[in-house]
């Protein structure tokens, strides 16, 4: 089994986040679409798993109670995904 790189894990989180948002917007206008709800729930589960995989290895992506932290406090760890050094 191949290990995903930091960039691959983050890309997966970003893609699934976008897909969840897109389905959320669709469901705002089609709240009775059972197939879409099932798709949203599946994507949401995949997103949570991808986010957990990233955060478990590299630290939190969000703050303010959305992500737990290991010791020492990880929110201040560098590089952050938006830093140029992240891809080096």
Protein backbone atom coordinates (compact mmCIF):
# COMPACT_ATOMS: atom_id res chain seq x y z
CA UNK A 1 0.00 0.00 0.00
CA UNK A 2 1.45 3.33 -1.13
CA UNK A 3 1.66 6.19 1.36
CA UNK A 4 0.20 9.48 0.20
CA UNK A 5 2.36 12.59 0.32
CA UNK A 6 1.39 15.70 2.23
CA UNK A 7 0.28 17.39 -1.00
CA UNK A 8 -1.81 14.37 -2.05
CA UNK A 9 -3.55 14.22 1.31
CA UNK A 10 -4.29 17.95 1.24
CA UNK A 11 -5.55 17.73 -2.36
CA UNK A 12 -7.94 14.97 -1.33
CA UNK A 13 -9.24 17.10 1.55
CA UNK A 14 -9.73 20.06 -0.79
CA UNK A 15 -11.49 18.03 -3.49
CA UNK A 16 -13.85 16.37 -1.03
CA UNK A 17 -14.54 19.69 0.70
CA UNK A 18 -15.52 21.22 -2.64
CA UNK A 19 -17.72 18.23 -3.50
CA UNK A 20 -19.50 18.49 -0.12
CA UNK A 21 -20.06 22.20 -0.60
CA UNK A 22 -21.40 21.63 -4.12
CA UNK A 23 -23.82 18.95 -2.91
CA UNK A 24 -24.84 21.19 0.00
CA UNK A 25 -25.78 23.97 -2.42
CA UNK A 26 -27.70 21.53 -4.61
CA UNK A 27 -29.59 20.17 -1.61
CA UNK A 28 -30.52 23.69 -0.50
CA UNK A 29 -32.65 23.81 -3.66
CA UNK A 30 -33.61 20.11 -3.85
CA UNK A 31 -34.13 19.03 -0.23
CA UNK A 32 -36.22 15.97 -1.16
CA UNK A 33 -33.62 14.38 -3.48
CA UNK A 34 -32.85 11.19 -1.57
CA UNK A 35 -30.08 10.12 -3.95
CA UNK A 36 -28.35 13.48 -3.51
CA UNK A 37 -28.62 13.19 0.27
CA UNK A 38 -27.00 9.75 0.10
CA UNK A 39 -24.24 11.16 -2.11
CA UNK A 40 -23.71 14.07 0.28
CA UNK A 41 -23.50 11.73 3.28
CA UNK A 42 -20.98 9.51 1.48
CA UNK A 43 -18.84 12.48 0.47
CA UNK A 44 -19.08 13.90 3.98
CA UNK A 45 -17.77 10.65 5.46
CA UNK A 46 -14.93 10.55 2.91
CA UNK A 47 -14.10 14.18 3.70
CA UNK A 48 -13.93 13.50 7.44
CA UNK A 49 -11.68 10.49 6.84
CA UNK A 50 -9.38 12.46 4.53
CA UNK A 51 -9.19 15.36 6.97
CA UNK A 52 -8.43 12.97 9.84
CA UNK A 53 -5.68 11.28 7.80
CA UNK A 54 -4.07 14.63 7.05
CA UNK A 55 -4.41 16.05 10.55
CA UNK A 56 -3.22 12.86 12.20
CA UNK A 57 0.02 13.06 10.24
CA UNK A 58 0.60 16.80 9.77
CA UNK A 59 -1.51 18.65 12.34
CA UNK A 60 -4.76 20.62 12.30
CA UNK A 61 -6.17 22.35 9.24
CA UNK A 62 -8.66 24.41 11.24
CA UNK A 63 -8.77 25.91 14.69
CA UNK A 64 -11.37 26.99 17.24
CA UNK A 65 -12.45 23.55 18.40
CA UNK A 66 -12.82 21.85 15.03
CA UNK A 67 -9.63 19.81 15.29
CA UNK A 68 -7.88 18.26 18.28
CA UNK A 69 -4.17 18.82 18.78
CA UNK A 70 -1.32 16.61 19.87
CA UNK A 71 1.33 17.90 22.29
CA UNK A 72 2.88 20.38 21.77
CA UNK A 73 0.16 22.70 20.43
CA UNK A 74 0.20 22.06 16.68
CA UNK A 75 -1.73 25.01 15.35
CA UNK A 76 1.44 27.10 15.37
CA UNK A 77 3.53 24.48 13.51
CA UNK A 78 5.01 25.42 10.17
CA UNK A 79 4.65 25.18 7.26
CA UNK A 80 0.95 25.81 6.83
CA UNK A 81 -0.70 24.67 3.59
CA UNK A 82 -0.77 28.22 2.21
CA UNK A 83 2.95 28.79 2.87
CA UNK A 84 5.34 28.54 -0.07
CA UNK A 85 7.61 26.23 1.95
CA UNK A 86 4.75 23.72 2.24
CA UNK A 87 5.54 22.38 -1.25
CA UNK A 88 9.32 22.35 -0.83
